[in-house]
Each structure stands twice: as structure tokens, then as C-alpha cells.
Amino acid sequence: MLIDSHAHLGMPEFDRNRDEVIRRAIDSGIELIFTVGTDIGDCRKAIEIAKGNERVFAIIGIHPHNAKEVDEGTYPDLRALSREGKVKAIGEIGLDLFRNLSPRDVQMARFRQQIHLAKEIDLPIVVHARDAQKEVLTILREEEAREIGGVFHCFSGGYDIAKSCMDLGFFISIPGTITYKNSVELREVIKKIPLDRILVETDCPFLTPMPFRGKRNEPAYVKFTALKLAEVKGLPFEEVARITSKNAKKAFRLDEELI
């Protein structure tokens, strides 16, 4: 059994057959799916999807792209939504200095504020860092995010960044890009990361792994990321599936009976 630690099932790409996509994932051996909100409306949708499917949990937060939209009602809303039992983390939060869809200073302020919120309600965080790994690590250290821990989602940095993440108590989540022909450096980095610190994810509907690249991604395809991870690590697929799933349950503090 595998766990897709990061999906976006609330996005419009899944509106026509969301239930079918979830069923297909379960039939393919996916034990759990964590669906992620990116703004308040999307967070509400993530919770609704999770409440309707026992195999789905929700992660809620304001994506750095949407940081400029935060207003005085945003954090009270997030705080209230976090009380839903199926919410397991605050995310994805962080910095995106590649697209810069929100001003840099606004992204940084919102990132810090959401770390504060996560510490207040005692939930782990899921971190987005694109062209901003060093800046993100600085903020995590300054805000003492080690106290809550969490996951570096869609990891794409070097080993020095990975080691810094792990030193802060974070897990490293690997997307379908590990299967791409040109991801040689990423695979070399992953060889050095201990398996007990790795999660797998789809980030669907994005980053579709081979052999489906070019099509809509979905949770069932996380198997192909895990297969490539097993190949890179020189380990049996079953061991990779077992350990990455155990890691996901630890990262999101699921009940012991699920580990």
C-alpha cells in the first residue's frame, strides 16, 4: 500500500470524475491521499472531499501564489477549519520566487504568519519552496518551525538543502519528476537521503510521472514515483512502499494503529 502525500483533488481538472479518480487510486493500492487547499475556498473543498472519503485527509493553507489575497478574515477562517478532524496539516505554505504571483515581502509575511498559526493549533506544516530554498530555511529556523515539523513538498534542491530540511525535523517528499530523463541530479540527491525521511507524492494534476507524462496526473500514478524511487535506492518496491507510507503517517501524526 502507498500513500499520496500531496494531491490537489479540489482542482477543476477533477470535477468531471473525482470519485472515479479516488476509486481508481484505492483499487491501485493507494492506502491514503492527502488533498491540499491553496486558498480559503479550495481549503473548504479539500475538507468536503476528505469528509466524503475515508481514505482522504485534508491539508489547508494559503499558497504563496495567493498570499496577496489574505485579508482580516483569512486566519480566523483557517483556524476554524483546522478544527475539522480530517485536517492534518497547514499547507502548502512557503515562498515561490520563480513565478512571483504575490509580492516577495507579502509572501514572506504570510509564510511566517501561517507558521505561527500552525504552532498555535499544533499542526505540522507542508512547505512550498520554488527558487527560494535558502530563504525558506532561514524563515523556518527563525520561526523555530522544528517545534511542529512537517514536509518539504515537491523537493527539487541539492543535498545540502535536503540535509538542512532533515536537520529541522522535516520529511522530504518526492514527486513524479524523479522519473523524468533529465532529472539526473535529483536522483543523485535522493540516493543520499535516508529512506526513513522520504515521502512520495503526485502533486496532481501536475507533474505526471512517466509513462503518463503529458496527461493529467492522479493519485494512482504515485506508484510510478515509488517504483523509480525503489530503483534509485536499489531496494524492493514493497520496502519502499511500506517505509514511505509509515513516514507519511508519522509526518501527519496519524493514529498509531494506522502505522
Protein backbone atom coordinates (compact mmCIF):
# COMPACT_ATOMS: atom_id res chain seq x y z
CA MET A 1 0.00 0.00 0.00
CA LEU A 2 1.18 3.51 -0.87
CA ILE A 3 0.27 6.99 0.33
CA ASP A 4 -0.03 10.00 -1.97
CA SER A 5 1.15 12.66 0.46
CA HIS A 6 0.22 15.65 -1.73
CA ALA A 7 -2.65 15.93 -4.23
CA HIS A 8 -4.99 18.71 -5.33
CA LEU A 9 -8.25 16.82 -5.78
CA GLY A 10 -10.28 20.01 -5.45
CA MET A 11 -8.95 21.49 -8.67
CA PRO A 12 -11.25 21.81 -11.71
CA GLU A 13 -9.30 19.15 -13.59
CA PHE A 14 -11.03 16.57 -11.38
CA ASP A 15 -14.55 17.98 -11.46
CA ARG A 16 -15.79 15.58 -14.12
CA ASN A 17 -14.70 12.34 -12.42
CA ARG A 18 -13.29 12.99 -8.94
CA ASP A 19 -14.97 10.00 -7.30
CA GLU A 20 -13.75 7.74 -10.08
CA VAL A 21 -10.20 9.03 -9.63
CA ILE A 22 -10.31 8.25 -5.91
CA ARG A 23 -11.75 4.77 -6.52
CA ARG A 24 -9.09 4.08 -9.13
CA ALA A 25 -6.38 5.08 -6.66
CA ILE A 26 -7.73 2.76 -3.99
CA ASP A 27 -8.06 -0.08 -6.49
CA SER A 28 -4.43 0.54 -7.47
CA GLY A 29 -3.21 0.03 -3.91
CA ILE A 30 -3.20 3.60 -2.64
CA GLU A 31 -3.99 3.48 1.06
CA LEU A 32 -4.42 7.20 1.78
CA ILE A 33 -4.47 10.50 -0.11
CA PHE A 34 -3.77 13.95 1.34
CA THR A 35 -5.56 16.64 -0.65
CA VAL A 36 -4.29 20.19 -0.32
CA GLY A 37 -6.08 23.55 -0.36
CA THR A 38 -4.46 26.70 -1.75
CA ASP A 39 -6.95 29.40 -0.71
CA ILE A 40 -9.92 29.51 1.65
CA GLY A 41 -12.42 28.26 -0.93
CA ASP A 42 -10.10 25.47 -2.00
CA CYS A 43 -9.47 24.55 1.63
CA ARG A 44 -13.19 24.18 2.25
CA LYS A 45 -13.42 21.97 -0.83
CA ALA A 46 -10.49 19.84 0.36
CA ILE A 47 -12.25 19.24 3.68
CA GLU A 48 -15.51 18.41 1.92
CA ILE A 49 -13.73 15.85 -0.28
CA ALA A 50 -11.95 14.36 2.74
CA LYS A 51 -15.14 14.08 4.78
CA GLY A 52 -16.77 12.20 1.91
CA ASN A 53 -13.96 9.64 1.56
CA GLU A 54 -12.48 7.68 4.45
CA ARG A 55 -9.17 7.28 2.59
CA VAL A 56 -8.70 11.05 2.08
CA PHE A 57 -7.35 13.63 4.53
CA ALA A 58 -7.07 17.41 4.09
CA ILE A 59 -4.22 19.89 4.32
CA ILE A 60 -5.26 23.55 4.44
CA GLY A 61 -3.40 26.82 3.95
CA ILE A 62 -2.73 29.78 1.69
CA HIS A 63 -0.34 29.06 -1.17
CA PRO A 64 2.32 31.72 -1.80
CA HIS A 65 0.67 32.45 -5.15
CA ASN A 66 -2.42 33.53 -3.20
CA ALA A 67 -0.63 35.37 -0.40
CA LYS A 68 -1.74 38.76 -1.73
CA GLU A 69 -5.38 37.74 -1.25
CA VAL A 70 -5.13 37.25 2.53
CA ASP A 71 -7.40 39.60 4.47
CA GLU A 72 -8.51 40.04 8.09
CA GLY A 73 -10.90 37.10 7.83
CA THR A 74 -8.46 34.60 6.39
CA TYR A 75 -6.72 33.40 9.53
CA PRO A 76 -9.87 33.15 11.67
CA ASP A 77 -11.33 31.04 8.83
CA LEU A 78 -8.24 28.81 8.70
CA ARG A 79 -8.26 28.44 12.47
CA ALA A 80 -11.92 27.37 12.42
CA LEU A 81 -11.39 24.97 9.50
CA SER A 82 -8.40 23.40 11.25
CA ARG A 83 -10.75 22.04 13.92
CA GLU A 84 -12.19 19.58 11.40
CA GLY A 85 -10.90 16.14 12.34
CA LYS A 86 -9.75 15.32 8.84
CA VAL A 87 -7.36 18.29 8.68
CA LYS A 88 -3.83 17.03 9.31
CA ALA A 89 -1.52 19.94 8.42
CA ILE A 90 -1.23 23.58 7.42
CA GLY A 91 -0.05 23.93 3.83
CA GLU A 92 1.05 24.31 1.35
CA ILE A 93 2.76 27.43 2.61
CA GLY A 94 6.09 28.99 1.77
CA LEU A 95 7.71 31.04 -0.98
CA ASP A 96 7.59 30.95 -4.77
CA LEU A 97 10.21 33.35 -6.12
CA PHE A 98 10.02 31.78 -9.57
CA ARG A 99 6.55 32.95 -10.58
CA ASN A 100 6.22 35.76 -8.01
CA LEU A 101 2.43 35.88 -8.31
CA SER A 102 2.38 37.66 -4.95
CA PRO A 103 4.96 40.29 -3.90
CA ARG A 104 8.03 38.81 -2.22
CA ASP A 105 7.57 40.69 1.06
CA VAL A 106 3.92 39.66 1.22
CA GLN A 107 4.82 36.00 0.63
CA MET A 108 7.36 36.13 3.44
CA ALA A 109 4.94 37.77 5.86
CA ARG A 110 2.17 35.25 5.10
CA PHE A 111 4.59 32.35 5.43
CA ARG A 112 5.64 33.49 8.90
CA GLN A 113 2.04 34.13 9.94
CA GLN A 114 0.95 30.65 8.90
CA ILE A 115 3.84 29.07 10.76
CA HIS A 116 2.62 30.99 13.82
CA LEU A 117 -0.89 29.65 13.22
CA ALA A 118 0.35 26.08 12.84
CA LYS A 119 2.29 26.37 16.11
CA GLU A 120 -0.75 27.82 17.84
CA ILE A 121 -3.00 24.94 16.80
CA ASP A 122 -0.18 22.35 16.92
CA LEU A 123 -0.27 21.03 13.37
CA PRO A 124 2.69 20.19 11.13
CA ILE A 125 3.28 22.28 8.00
CA VAL A 126 3.71 21.43 4.33
CA VAL A 127 6.27 23.71 2.70
CA HIS A 128 6.41 25.04 -0.86
CA ALA A 129 9.83 26.39 -1.91
CA ARG A 130 10.49 27.26 -5.54
CA ASP A 131 13.67 29.22 -6.28
CA ALA A 132 13.55 30.04 -2.58
CA GLN A 133 15.01 27.12 -0.64
CA LYS A 134 17.55 29.19 1.32
CA GLU A 135 15.02 31.90 2.13
CA VAL A 136 12.51 29.29 3.29
CA LEU A 137 15.08 27.58 5.50
CA THR A 138 16.02 30.90 7.08
CA ILE A 139 12.40 31.61 7.97
CA LEU A 140 11.87 28.10 9.33
CA ARG A 141 14.88 28.48 11.60
CA GLU A 142 13.91 31.97 12.76
CA GLU A 143 10.33 30.87 13.48
CA GLU A 144 11.51 27.68 15.23
CA ALA A 145 9.37 25.50 12.97
CA ARG A 146 11.21 22.45 14.28
CA GLU A 147 8.66 22.51 17.11
CA ILE A 148 5.92 21.35 14.74
CA GLY A 149 7.87 19.78 11.86
CA GLY A 150 6.29 18.74 8.61
CA VAL A 151 7.11 18.08 4.98
CA PHE A 152 9.13 19.76 2.24
CA HIS A 153 6.77 19.13 -0.66
CA CYS A 154 7.89 18.52 -4.24
CA PHE A 155 11.57 18.56 -3.35
CA SER A 156 13.97 19.77 -6.05
CA GLY A 157 17.04 21.08 -4.19
CA GLY A 158 20.55 19.80 -3.65
CA TYR A 159 21.68 17.54 -0.85
CA ASP A 160 22.79 20.47 1.29
CA ILE A 161 19.21 21.76 1.23
CA ALA A 162 17.84 18.29 1.93
CA LYS A 163 20.17 17.88 4.91
CA SER A 164 19.13 21.27 6.29
CA CYS A 165 15.46 20.25 5.97
CA MET A 166 16.10 16.98 7.78
CA ASP A 167 18.13 18.75 10.47
CA LEU A 168 15.00 20.82 11.15
CA GLY A 169 12.98 17.63 11.57
CA PHE A 170 11.23 17.75 8.20
CA PHE A 171 10.48 14.93 5.79
CA ILE A 172 11.34 15.17 2.09
CA SER A 173 8.52 14.48 -0.39
CA ILE A 174 9.46 13.24 -3.86
CA PRO A 175 7.21 13.92 -6.88
CA GLY A 176 6.94 12.33 -10.31
CA THR A 177 9.84 14.39 -11.63
CA ILE A 178 12.14 11.64 -10.32
CA THR A 179 11.00 9.61 -13.35
CA TYR A 180 11.99 12.25 -15.93
CA LYS A 181 15.02 11.57 -18.10
CA ASN A 182 16.64 14.92 -17.30
CA SER A 183 16.25 14.59 -13.50
CA VAL A 184 19.71 13.06 -13.09
CA GLU A 185 20.78 15.46 -10.32
CA LEU A 186 17.58 14.90 -8.35
CA ARG A 187 18.09 11.14 -8.45
CA GLU A 188 21.68 11.56 -7.23
CA VAL A 189 20.43 13.66 -4.30
CA ILE A 190 17.75 11.13 -3.46
CA LYS A 191 20.35 8.36 -3.27
CA LYS A 192 21.84 10.18 -0.27
CA ILE A 193 18.60 10.84 1.61
CA PRO A 194 17.71 8.09 4.11
CA LEU A 195 14.56 6.25 3.11
CA ASP A 196 13.07 6.84 6.57
CA ARG A 197 12.90 10.58 5.75
CA ILE A 198 11.21 10.27 2.34
CA LEU A 199 7.55 10.53 1.28
CA VAL A 200 6.12 10.15 -2.23
CA GLU A 201 3.52 12.40 -3.85
CA THR A 202 1.84 13.21 -7.12
CA ASP A 203 1.10 16.95 -6.73
CA CYS A 204 -1.69 16.03 -9.14
CA PRO A 205 -2.99 17.20 -11.53
CA PHE A 206 0.59 18.40 -12.14
CA LEU A 207 3.98 16.67 -12.61
CA THR A 208 2.67 13.46 -14.14
CA PRO A 209 5.30 10.71 -13.92
CA MET A 210 6.47 8.59 -16.80
CA PRO A 211 4.99 6.77 -18.64
CA PHE A 212 1.94 9.08 -18.46
CA ARG A 213 3.74 12.42 -18.78
CA GLY A 214 1.65 14.85 -20.81
CA LYS A 215 -1.62 13.56 -19.34
CA ARG A 216 -3.47 14.67 -16.20
CA ASN A 217 -1.77 13.31 -13.10
CA GLU A 218 -3.79 11.46 -10.45
CA PRO A 219 -3.12 9.66 -7.14
CA ALA A 220 -2.96 6.18 -8.70
CA TYR A 221 0.20 7.28 -10.53
CA VAL A 222 2.17 7.73 -7.31
CA LYS A 223 3.09 4.07 -7.80
CA PHE A 224 5.40 5.04 -10.66
CA THR A 225 7.22 7.53 -8.47
CA ALA A 226 7.67 4.84 -5.82
CA LEU A 227 8.89 2.34 -8.42
CA LYS A 228 11.56 4.77 -9.63
CA LEU A 229 12.49 5.56 -6.02
CA ALA A 230 12.97 1.84 -5.39
CA GLU A 231 15.15 1.60 -8.48
CA VAL A 232 17.26 4.60 -7.45
CA LYS A 233 17.69 3.21 -3.93
CA GLY A 234 18.30 -0.35 -5.10
CA LEU A 235 15.56 -1.60 -2.80
CA PRO A 236 12.46 -3.78 -3.25
CA PHE A 237 9.35 -1.82 -4.19
CA GLU A 238 7.47 -3.36 -1.26
CA GLU A 239 10.00 -1.97 1.22
CA VAL A 240 9.81 1.49 -0.32
CA ALA A 241 6.01 1.40 -0.20
CA ARG A 242 5.97 0.27 3.43
CA ILE A 243 8.52 2.76 4.73
CA THR A 244 7.32 5.82 2.81
CA SER A 245 3.78 5.11 3.98
CA LYS A 246 4.95 4.80 7.58
CA ASN A 247 6.82 8.09 7.16
CA ALA A 248 3.71 9.86 5.87
CA LYS A 249 1.71 8.68 8.86
CA LYS A 250 4.41 9.94 11.20
CA ALA A 251 4.68 13.27 9.40
CA PHE A 252 0.93 13.88 9.67
CA ARG A 253 0.60 12.36 13.15
CA LEU A 254 -1.94 9.71 12.29
CA ASP A 255 -3.08 7.24 14.91
CA GLU A 256 -0.62 4.54 15.86
CA GLU A 257 -2.91 1.79 14.59
CA LEU A 258 -2.51 3.22 11.09
CA ILE A 259 1.32 2.98 11.20
